Amino acid sequence: MMSFFLKSRKRKSGQKNPNVNKKKDFPSKVNKALDEEVESESDVDSSNEFTESRDKLYSSEDEEETAQQKKLRLAKEYLSKLEEEEAQKKEEADVLRDAVASRLQHDISEQAGKLTKKVADLCICPKVEDLRIFRGHKLPLTALVISPDDKYVFTASKDCNICKWNLETGLKEKTIKGGRKGTEDEHIGHTDHILCLAISSDGKFLAAGDMNNMIKLWNPQDCSFIHKFKGHRGPVTGVSFRKGTHTLYSCSSDKVVKVWSVDDLAYVETLFGHNSPITGIDSLARDRAITSGGRDKSVHIWKITEDSQLLFHGHDGSIECVALISESNFVTGADDNSVSLWSVLKKKPLTTVKNAHGERNGLGDEHWIASVAALQHTDLVASGSKDGNVRLWKCGAEYRTLSPLFNVPVKGFVNCLKFSNKGDFLVAAVGQEHRMGRWWHLKDAKNGWVVIPLKSNSI
């Protein structure tokens, strides 16, 4: 009974007979291992399916989120772009406003005479071979002017001709031919020595004064005749246009200054004050003119609107020429061979250079100053005589000193000097005689005009 019961339990529990051969058990172990491998592959497949499902879930969520935020993102980008554009516009507006303010300040300072650009130390003395010399007049040159764009030079002479020159090519483009004295009613050009020239700041009018007491207006473009002004009772020794206008000032050996309206082709008024023939005139933007009084040894500044004048004395000799540096300062030259710097606030010169053009045989006054020029609103001025040199000067210490820079060899009477508007060159009208007379005659000199380059790092 006991053994039967035990056998029954062994069958129920599924235990195998221990006497079975181990080799017979090998297939069952292999099957078990295969079963385990199959279970492992199924687990991997299920894991991959889970990962793919998760990725699909997350990607769908991302796509759904981007779609929802797309409008907001585009709106932010649009606002950001608008902000950048507005910031750029504001920056440009600020730059423009600063530029306008700077220009206004520049103009105010210029009109007040407070603007001074330091260029004298930057100029380099040109070599003789760098000078450009032009011939074309038969008699001594008396005056010249440069067009506002620095492209043309107009020259006048005792031969009664006015010539228009192209600076780039060096060629004479036009000639306003003069006529014989006494043919004023028949000849359209000048019939006596031309003593002075002036051109308006917009280049529309060219004015010329002559020994025949007349001022003639010409068109600088084609050199055609426009009008003539009569009124002076002596030779017209100087003409000057007020900067930025068509108001013309003129002076004469009849000791008066006249004001003309070129737009209306009419006479405006006459100013009295000098006691001797007036030798030169100049003007800038303000409604003022400055004149040198020759033998009365005075300089007058005429305040046109106030109907008043300022009077200055200082030279020992006749004041032959004057040029405005700014509205506050000017330079003069006299026949005692002296050059002076002035301020409109003082009646005497701030500084005077005696024997400015050297001595000859101990006679300094023989080299009288025939012309002066100023590069406006800078510290650079020039003077000319008959000593064979054009001399350039530096104004220092607020125009209280005048020191020499260098000399440029030019043989003959330097009857007129003009700086170009950009300041990169200086032109000189040269003749065998002084523009106002025949006190000396330099046979070795040649009538012509010279371009003196001023190589400056600032230009």
Protein backbone atom coordinates (compact mmCIF):
# COMPACT_ATOMS: atom_id res chain seq x y z
CA MET A 1 0.00 0.00 0.00
CA MET A 2 2.74 2.31 0.78
CA SER A 3 4.59 1.94 -2.49
CA PHE A 4 1.45 2.43 -4.55
CA PHE A 5 0.72 5.67 -2.85
CA LEU A 6 4.22 6.92 -3.45
CA LYS A 7 4.11 6.14 -7.14
CA SER A 8 0.88 7.97 -7.45
CA ARG A 9 2.39 11.12 -5.96
CA LYS A 10 5.35 10.95 -8.30
CA ARG A 11 3.04 10.88 -11.31
CA LYS A 12 1.06 13.79 -10.04
CA SER A 13 4.12 15.87 -9.32
CA GLY A 14 5.55 15.12 -12.80
CA GLN A 15 8.95 14.05 -11.56
CA LYS A 16 11.02 12.02 -13.97
CA ASN A 17 12.68 8.75 -13.43
CA PRO A 18 16.20 9.31 -12.12
CA ASN A 19 17.37 6.27 -14.02
CA VAL A 20 16.79 7.93 -17.41
CA ASN A 21 20.01 8.48 -19.49
CA LYS A 22 21.36 12.09 -19.51
CA LYS A 23 21.92 12.00 -23.30
CA LYS A 24 18.23 11.43 -23.74
CA ASP A 25 17.57 14.67 -21.81
CA PHE A 26 19.68 16.90 -24.26
CA PRO A 27 16.83 17.57 -26.75
CA SER A 28 14.61 18.82 -23.97
CA LYS A 29 17.30 21.29 -22.81
CA VAL A 30 17.78 22.58 -26.38
CA ASN A 31 14.08 23.08 -26.76
CA LYS A 32 14.00 24.92 -23.48
CA ALA A 33 16.82 27.22 -24.63
CA LEU A 34 15.03 27.82 -27.95
CA ASP A 35 11.88 28.57 -26.04
CA GLU A 36 13.81 31.11 -23.97
CA GLU A 37 15.28 32.75 -27.15
CA VAL A 38 11.89 33.01 -28.75
CA GLU A 39 10.56 34.66 -25.64
CA SER A 40 13.50 37.17 -25.74
CA GLU A 41 12.83 38.17 -29.42
CA SER A 42 9.20 38.72 -28.65
CA ASP A 43 10.19 40.99 -25.82
CA VAL A 44 12.41 43.08 -28.17
CA ASP A 45 9.67 43.41 -30.74
CA SER A 46 7.26 44.57 -28.14
CA SER A 47 9.84 47.07 -26.85
CA ASN A 48 10.42 48.50 -30.36
CA GLU A 49 6.70 48.84 -30.89
CA PHE A 50 6.47 50.73 -27.63
CA THR A 51 9.30 53.11 -28.61
CA GLU A 52 7.80 53.77 -32.03
CA SER A 53 4.44 54.45 -30.49
CA ARG A 54 6.00 56.82 -27.97
CA ASP A 55 7.95 58.69 -30.69
CA LYS A 56 4.84 59.01 -32.81
CA LEU A 57 3.00 60.33 -29.81
CA TYR A 58 5.65 62.91 -28.98
CA SER A 59 6.12 64.00 -32.62
CA SER A 60 2.42 64.50 -33.05
CA GLU A 61 2.38 66.54 -29.88
CA ASP A 62 5.32 68.65 -31.19
CA GLU A 63 3.59 69.20 -34.54
CA GLU A 64 0.43 70.13 -32.80
CA GLU A 65 2.37 72.60 -30.54
CA THR A 66 4.19 74.27 -33.50
CA ALA A 67 0.96 74.78 -35.34
CA GLN A 68 -0.60 76.42 -32.33
CA GLN A 69 2.34 78.76 -31.79
CA LYS A 70 3.01 79.58 -35.44
CA LYS A 71 0.94 82.76 -35.48
CA LEU A 72 2.50 83.94 -32.26
CA ARG A 73 6.00 83.23 -33.55
CA LEU A 74 5.33 85.07 -36.84
CA ALA A 75 3.83 87.98 -34.93
CA LYS A 76 6.90 88.19 -32.73
CA GLU A 77 9.17 88.08 -35.78
CA TYR A 78 7.13 90.83 -37.48
CA LEU A 79 7.26 93.01 -34.37
CA SER A 80 10.98 92.42 -34.06
CA LYS A 81 11.46 93.46 -37.69
CA LEU A 82 9.38 96.59 -37.14
CA GLU A 83 11.44 97.45 -34.09
CA GLU A 84 14.67 97.05 -36.06
CA GLU A 85 13.36 99.23 -38.90
CA GLU A 86 12.15 101.90 -36.50
CA ALA A 87 15.45 101.81 -34.62
CA GLN A 88 17.31 102.22 -37.92
CA LYS A 89 15.05 105.10 -38.94
CA LYS A 90 15.59 106.73 -35.57
CA GLU A 91 19.34 106.30 -35.90
CA GLU A 92 19.27 107.81 -39.39
CA ALA A 93 17.08 110.64 -38.14
CA ASP A 94 19.49 111.28 -35.29
CA VAL A 95 22.42 111.32 -37.71
CA LEU A 96 20.56 113.69 -40.03
CA ARG A 97 19.57 115.93 -37.14
CA ASP A 98 23.16 116.02 -35.91
CA ALA A 99 24.38 116.81 -39.41
CA VAL A 100 21.87 119.65 -39.80
CA ALA A 101 22.76 121.01 -36.37
CA SER A 102 26.46 120.83 -37.22
CA ARG A 103 25.86 122.60 -40.53
CA LEU A 104 23.79 125.32 -38.84
CA GLN A 105 26.44 125.77 -36.20
CA HIS A 106 29.06 125.93 -38.95
CA ASP A 107 27.10 128.60 -40.84
CA ILE A 108 26.46 130.60 -37.67
CA SER A 109 30.11 130.43 -36.72
CA GLU A 110 31.12 131.35 -40.25
CA GLN A 111 28.83 134.35 -40.35
CA ALA A 112 30.00 135.43 -36.91
CA GLY A 113 33.60 135.09 -38.03
CA LYS A 114 34.44 132.59 -35.31
CA LEU A 115 35.27 129.63 -37.55
CA THR A 116 38.95 129.10 -38.27
CA LYS A 117 40.38 126.04 -39.97
CA LYS A 118 44.07 125.34 -39.42
CA VAL A 119 45.59 124.67 -42.84
CA ALA A 120 48.75 126.77 -42.97
CA ASP A 121 50.99 124.11 -41.41
CA LEU A 122 49.67 121.51 -43.85
CA CYS A 123 50.66 123.42 -46.99
CA ILE A 124 53.82 122.37 -48.82
CA CYS A 125 55.98 124.75 -50.79
CA PRO A 126 55.68 123.82 -54.49
CA LYS A 127 58.68 123.22 -56.71
CA VAL A 128 59.36 125.60 -59.56
CA GLU A 129 58.53 122.90 -62.10
CA ASP A 130 55.12 122.44 -60.46
CA LEU A 131 54.06 126.00 -61.28
CA ARG A 132 51.75 126.43 -64.26
CA ILE A 133 52.34 129.63 -66.24
CA PHE A 134 49.87 130.96 -68.82
CA ARG A 135 50.32 133.67 -71.44
CA GLY A 136 47.58 135.28 -73.47
CA HIS A 137 47.42 139.01 -72.77
CA LYS A 138 49.59 141.54 -74.58
CA LEU A 139 49.69 144.00 -71.67
CA PRO A 140 50.07 143.56 -67.89
CA LEU A 141 47.37 141.59 -66.12
CA THR A 142 45.47 143.60 -63.54
CA ALA A 143 42.86 141.22 -62.05
CA LEU A 144 41.54 137.68 -62.04
CA VAL A 145 38.81 135.57 -60.41
CA ILE A 146 38.14 131.84 -60.07
CA SER A 147 34.75 130.29 -60.81
CA PRO A 148 32.91 128.82 -57.79
CA ASP A 149 33.59 125.26 -59.00
CA ASP A 150 37.33 125.98 -59.41
CA LYS A 151 37.20 124.92 -63.06
CA TYR A 152 37.71 128.27 -64.77
CA VAL A 153 39.80 131.39 -64.31
CA PHE A 154 38.83 134.79 -65.71
CA THR A 155 41.68 137.25 -66.31
CA ALA A 156 41.66 140.95 -67.17
CA SER A 157 44.38 143.18 -68.49
CA LYS A 158 45.37 146.65 -69.58
CA ASP A 159 44.75 145.43 -73.13
CA CYS A 160 41.00 145.75 -72.31
CA ASN A 161 40.40 142.03 -72.88
CA ILE A 162 38.79 139.50 -70.54
CA CYS A 163 39.79 135.87 -71.09
CA LYS A 164 38.14 132.69 -69.84
CA TRP A 165 40.55 129.81 -69.18
CA ASN A 166 39.90 126.13 -68.57
CA LEU A 167 42.09 125.09 -65.66
CA GLU A 168 42.05 121.40 -66.52
CA THR A 169 43.14 121.78 -70.13
CA GLY A 170 44.99 125.08 -69.75
CA LEU A 171 43.27 126.41 -72.86
CA LYS A 172 41.64 129.77 -73.44
CA GLU A 173 37.96 129.12 -74.16
CA LYS A 174 36.54 132.63 -74.64
CA THR A 175 37.80 136.18 -75.06
CA ILE A 176 35.79 139.33 -74.51
CA LYS A 177 37.67 141.64 -76.80
CA GLY A 178 38.25 145.24 -75.89
CA GLY A 179 38.11 148.29 -78.10
CA ARG A 180 39.76 151.65 -78.45
CA LYS A 181 38.96 154.46 -76.09
CA GLY A 182 36.26 156.72 -77.45
CA THR A 183 34.31 153.88 -79.10
CA GLU A 184 32.12 153.14 -76.06
CA ASP A 185 28.89 153.67 -77.99
CA GLU A 186 29.94 151.31 -80.76
CA HIS A 187 31.97 148.62 -78.99
CA ILE A 188 30.32 146.26 -76.55
CA GLY A 189 33.54 145.38 -74.70
CA HIS A 190 35.74 147.51 -72.48
CA THR A 191 37.51 150.41 -74.10
CA ASP A 192 40.04 151.21 -71.35
CA HIS A 193 42.21 149.38 -68.84
CA ILE A 194 40.24 146.87 -66.79
CA LEU A 195 41.23 147.24 -63.13
CA CYS A 196 39.08 144.72 -61.25
CA LEU A 197 36.91 141.60 -61.56
CA ALA A 198 34.34 139.85 -59.38
CA ILE A 199 32.13 136.78 -59.84
CA SER A 200 28.95 135.97 -57.93
CA SER A 201 29.00 133.00 -55.57
CA ASP A 202 26.54 131.09 -57.81
CA GLY A 203 28.62 131.76 -60.91
CA LYS A 204 25.85 133.59 -62.80
CA PHE A 205 27.39 137.05 -63.08
CA LEU A 206 30.84 138.42 -63.83
CA ALA A 207 31.48 142.10 -63.08
CA ALA A 208 34.41 144.14 -64.41
CA GLY A 209 35.37 147.72 -63.58
CA ASP A 210 37.57 149.84 -65.83
CA MET A 211 39.39 153.13 -66.16
CA ASN A 212 36.44 154.45 -68.15
CA ASN A 213 34.36 154.82 -64.92
CA MET A 214 32.08 151.93 -65.89
CA ILE A 215 31.09 148.51 -64.56
CA LYS A 216 30.05 145.92 -67.10
CA LEU A 217 28.19 142.69 -66.35
CA TRP A 218 28.90 139.53 -68.30
CA ASN A 219 27.54 135.99 -68.38
CA PRO A 220 30.41 133.72 -67.25
CA GLN A 221 29.01 130.75 -69.20
CA ASP A 222 29.20 132.18 -72.72
CA CYS A 223 30.82 135.57 -71.93
CA SER A 224 27.85 137.42 -73.37
CA PHE A 225 27.11 141.00 -72.37
CA ILE A 226 24.34 141.64 -69.84
CA HIS A 227 24.38 145.25 -68.66
CA LYS A 228 26.58 148.21 -67.76
CA PHE A 229 26.40 150.40 -64.67
CA LYS A 230 27.26 154.09 -64.88
CA GLY A 231 27.59 156.39 -61.92
CA HIS A 232 31.18 156.60 -60.76
CA ARG A 233 33.09 159.74 -61.63
CA GLY A 234 36.48 158.09 -61.62
CA PRO A 235 38.12 154.78 -62.52
CA VAL A 236 36.45 151.78 -60.86
CA THR A 237 39.22 150.30 -58.72
CA GLY A 238 37.32 147.46 -57.05
CA VAL A 239 34.15 145.33 -57.31
CA SER A 240 32.85 142.62 -54.99
CA PHE A 241 29.69 140.50 -54.81
CA ARG A 242 28.11 139.90 -51.43
CA LYS A 243 28.34 136.16 -50.82
CA GLY A 244 25.12 134.27 -51.51
CA THR A 245 23.45 137.27 -53.19
CA HIS A 246 23.51 139.35 -56.35
CA THR A 247 24.29 142.56 -54.50
CA LEU A 248 27.35 144.23 -55.98
CA TYR A 249 29.66 146.68 -54.20
CA SER A 250 32.03 148.92 -56.12
CA CYS A 251 34.68 151.50 -55.21
CA SER A 252 36.42 154.13 -57.23
CA SER A 253 39.09 156.80 -57.27
CA ASP A 254 36.17 159.24 -56.87
CA LYS A 255 36.36 158.30 -53.12
CA VAL A 256 32.90 156.72 -52.88
CA VAL A 257 31.40 153.25 -52.58
CA LYS A 258 28.30 152.34 -54.55
CA VAL A 259 25.79 149.54 -54.05
CA TRP A 260 24.03 147.91 -57.02
CA SER A 261 21.25 145.37 -57.41
CA VAL A 262 22.20 143.00 -60.20
CA ASP A 263 18.83 141.24 -60.13
CA ASP A 264 17.07 144.53 -60.82
CA LEU A 265 19.98 145.96 -62.84
CA ALA A 266 19.65 149.08 -60.75
CA TYR A 267 21.63 151.49 -58.61
CA VAL A 268 20.87 151.32 -54.87
CA GLU A 269 22.93 153.88 -52.95
CA THR A 270 26.24 155.71 -52.53
CA LEU A 271 28.43 155.65 -49.42
CA PHE A 272 30.77 158.52 -48.49
CA GLY A 273 33.65 158.58 -46.05
CA HIS A 274 37.09 158.27 -47.63
CA ASN A 275 39.26 161.32 -48.20
CA SER A 276 41.36 159.89 -51.04
CA PRO A 277 40.93 157.49 -53.97
CA ILE A 278 39.82 154.04 -52.78
CA THR A 279 42.20 151.27 -53.80
CA GLY A 280 40.39 148.02 -52.97
CA ILE A 281 37.17 146.43 -51.72
CA ASP A 282 36.01 143.06 -50.37
CA SER A 283 32.91 141.47 -48.80
CA LEU A 284 31.56 138.23 -47.35
CA ALA A 285 28.08 137.03 -46.36
CA ARG A 286 27.05 139.87 -44.08
CA ASP A 287 25.59 143.06 -45.54
CA ARG A 288 28.93 144.81 -45.19
CA ALA A 289 31.80 145.93 -47.40
CA ILE A 290 35.39 146.73 -46.47
CA THR A 291 37.56 149.21 -48.38
CA SER A 292 41.17 150.40 -48.30
CA GLY A 293 41.53 154.15 -48.56
CA GLY A 294 44.94 154.55 -50.13
CA ARG A 295 46.57 157.82 -49.14
CA ASP A 296 44.15 158.58 -46.32
CA LYS A 297 45.76 155.54 -44.58
CA SER A 298 42.41 154.21 -43.42
CA VAL A 299 40.24 151.14 -43.74
CA HIS A 300 36.45 151.46 -43.63
CA ILE A 301 33.89 148.78 -42.88
CA TRP A 302 30.53 149.87 -44.25
CA LYS A 303 27.47 148.62 -42.36
CA ILE A 304 24.92 148.94 -45.11
CA THR A 305 21.71 148.25 -43.19
CA GLU A 306 22.77 150.32 -40.14
CA ASP A 307 23.94 153.16 -42.40
CA SER A 308 27.14 153.45 -40.39
CA GLN A 309 30.84 152.64 -40.73
CA LEU A 310 33.85 151.51 -38.72
CA LEU A 311 37.15 153.32 -39.17
CA PHE A 312 40.64 151.80 -38.79
CA HIS A 313 44.14 153.35 -38.91
CA GLY A 314 47.56 151.77 -38.60
CA HIS A 315 49.83 151.78 -41.66
CA ASP A 316 52.44 154.47 -42.15
CA GLY A 317 51.93 154.50 -45.90
CA SER A 318 49.14 154.25 -48.45
CA ILE A 319 46.94 151.20 -47.92
CA GLU A 320 46.86 149.56 -51.32
CA CYS A 321 44.84 146.38 -50.80
CA VAL A 322 42.54 144.63 -48.35
CA ALA A 323 41.07 141.11 -48.00
CA LEU A 324 38.61 139.67 -45.49
CA ILE A 325 39.71 136.51 -43.67
CA SER A 326 36.39 136.23 -41.87
CA GLU A 327 33.67 138.57 -40.68
CA SER A 328 35.90 139.38 -37.69
CA ASN A 329 39.39 139.60 -39.18
CA PHE A 330 41.08 141.00 -42.28
CA VAL A 331 44.51 141.60 -43.79
CA THR A 332 45.92 144.70 -45.51
CA GLY A 333 49.00 145.64 -47.50
CA ALA A 334 50.59 149.07 -47.89
CA ASP A 335 53.12 150.82 -50.09
CA ASP A 336 55.52 150.98 -47.14
CA ASN A 337 56.14 147.23 -47.65
CA SER A 338 54.11 146.21 -44.60
CA VAL A 339 51.37 143.64 -44.07
CA SER A 340 48.94 143.91 -41.14
CA LEU A 341 46.36 141.71 -39.46
CA TRP A 342 43.28 143.31 -37.95
CA SER A 343 40.23 142.60 -35.83
CA VAL A 344 36.97 144.46 -36.36
CA LEU A 345 36.92 145.02 -32.59
CA LYS A 346 40.11 147.10 -32.55
CA LYS A 347 41.01 150.28 -34.39
CA LYS A 348 44.68 149.38 -34.66
CA PRO A 349 46.32 146.31 -36.24
CA LEU A 350 46.76 143.25 -34.07
CA THR A 351 50.15 142.74 -35.71
CA THR A 352 52.20 144.33 -38.49
CA VAL A 353 55.13 142.88 -40.42
CA LYS A 354 57.54 145.57 -41.60
CA ASN A 355 59.57 144.97 -44.77
CA ALA A 356 57.33 142.01 -45.52
CA HIS A 357 58.86 141.54 -48.98
CA GLY A 358 62.44 142.36 -48.07
CA GLU A 359 64.65 145.36 -48.69
CA ARG A 360 66.48 146.39 -51.82
CA ASN A 361 69.42 148.76 -51.50
CA GLY A 362 68.13 149.72 -48.10
CA LEU A 363 64.83 150.96 -49.52
CA GLY A 364 62.15 148.74 -48.09
CA ASP A 365 59.27 150.84 -49.36
CA GLU A 366 60.28 150.17 -52.96
CA HIS A 367 58.66 146.74 -52.63
CA TRP A 368 55.22 148.02 -51.88
CA ILE A 369 52.46 145.47 -51.38
CA ALA A 370 50.35 145.33 -54.54
CA SER A 371 47.96 142.53 -53.53
CA VAL A 372 46.83 140.40 -50.59
CA ALA A 373 44.56 137.37 -50.45
CA ALA A 374 43.09 135.21 -47.69
CA LEU A 375 41.80 131.66 -47.72
CA GLN A 376 38.59 132.56 -45.96
CA HIS A 377 37.96 131.20 -42.47
CA THR A 378 41.47 129.75 -42.22
CA ASP A 379 44.87 130.83 -40.94
CA LEU A 380 46.43 131.17 -44.41
CA VAL A 381 47.07 134.47 -46.24
CA ALA A 382 49.28 135.55 -49.15
CA SER A 383 50.84 138.77 -50.37
CA GLY A 384 52.40 139.96 -53.60
CA SER A 385 54.75 142.74 -54.60
CA LYS A 386 57.43 143.17 -57.28
CA ASP A 387 60.32 141.59 -55.39
CA GLY A 388 60.03 138.38 -57.42
CA ASN A 389 58.15 136.33 -54.81
CA VAL A 390 54.65 135.51 -53.72
CA ARG A 391 54.81 135.09 -49.96
CA LEU A 392 52.52 132.92 -47.87
CA TRP A 393 51.89 133.61 -44.20
CA LYS A 394 50.41 131.84 -41.20
CA CYS A 395 48.09 133.69 -38.84
CA GLY A 396 48.71 132.48 -35.30
CA ALA A 397 47.65 133.15 -31.72
CA GLU A 398 44.17 134.33 -32.68
CA TYR A 399 45.53 136.55 -35.45
CA ARG A 400 48.01 138.26 -33.16
CA THR A 401 51.03 136.91 -35.02
CA LEU A 402 51.94 136.68 -38.68
CA SER A 403 54.78 134.29 -39.49
CA PRO A 404 56.22 133.45 -42.94
CA LEU A 405 55.58 129.99 -44.38
CA PHE A 406 57.42 129.97 -47.69
CA ASN A 407 58.08 132.03 -50.83
CA VAL A 408 57.14 131.12 -54.40
CA PRO A 409 59.27 132.70 -57.15
CA VAL A 410 57.13 134.84 -59.47
CA LYS A 411 58.86 137.59 -61.47
CA GLY A 412 56.89 140.78 -62.07
CA PHE A 413 54.24 142.88 -60.38
CA VAL A 414 51.81 140.55 -58.61
CA ASN A 415 48.73 142.69 -59.19
CA CYS A 416 46.13 140.21 -57.92
CA LEU A 417 46.01 137.04 -55.82
CA LYS A 418 43.13 134.60 -55.36
CA PHE A 419 42.84 131.32 -53.46
CA SER A 420 40.73 128.57 -54.96
CA ASN A 421 37.49 127.86 -53.14
CA LYS A 422 38.82 124.50 -51.93
CA GLY A 423 42.17 126.01 -51.00
CA ASP A 424 44.26 123.58 -53.03
CA PHE A 425 45.88 126.24 -55.23
CA LEU A 426 46.60 129.97 -55.51
CA VAL A 427 46.54 132.02 -58.70
CA ALA A 428 48.50 135.21 -59.33
CA ALA A 429 48.02 137.88 -62.02
CA VAL A 430 51.45 139.11 -63.08
CA GLY A 431 52.50 142.07 -65.19
CA GLN A 432 55.44 144.25 -66.09
CA GLU A 433 53.67 147.23 -64.47
CA HIS A 434 51.51 148.00 -61.48
CA ARG A 435 47.82 147.77 -62.27
CA MET A 436 47.17 151.42 -61.42
CA GLY A 437 50.09 153.06 -63.21
CA ARG A 438 53.52 152.93 -64.78
CA TRP A 439 55.77 153.96 -61.90
CA TRP A 440 58.06 151.02 -62.71
CA HIS A 441 58.45 148.86 -65.78
CA LEU A 442 60.07 145.47 -65.31
CA LYS A 443 61.46 144.46 -68.70
CA ASP A 444 62.52 141.01 -67.51
CA ALA A 445 58.99 140.11 -66.36
CA LYS A 446 56.37 138.59 -68.63
CA ASN A 447 52.66 139.32 -68.62
CA GLY A 448 50.65 136.28 -67.62
CA TRP A 449 49.15 134.41 -64.73
CA VAL A 450 50.49 131.60 -62.56
CA VAL A 451 48.83 128.65 -60.81
CA ILE A 452 50.61 127.86 -57.53
CA PRO A 453 49.63 124.42 -56.18
CA LEU A 454 49.31 124.14 -52.42
CA LYS A 455 49.66 120.45 -51.67
CA SER A 456 47.86 120.02 -48.38
CA ASN A 457 47.06 116.83 -46.48
CA SER A 458 43.77 118.37 -45.38
CA ILE A 459 42.38 118.63 -48.88
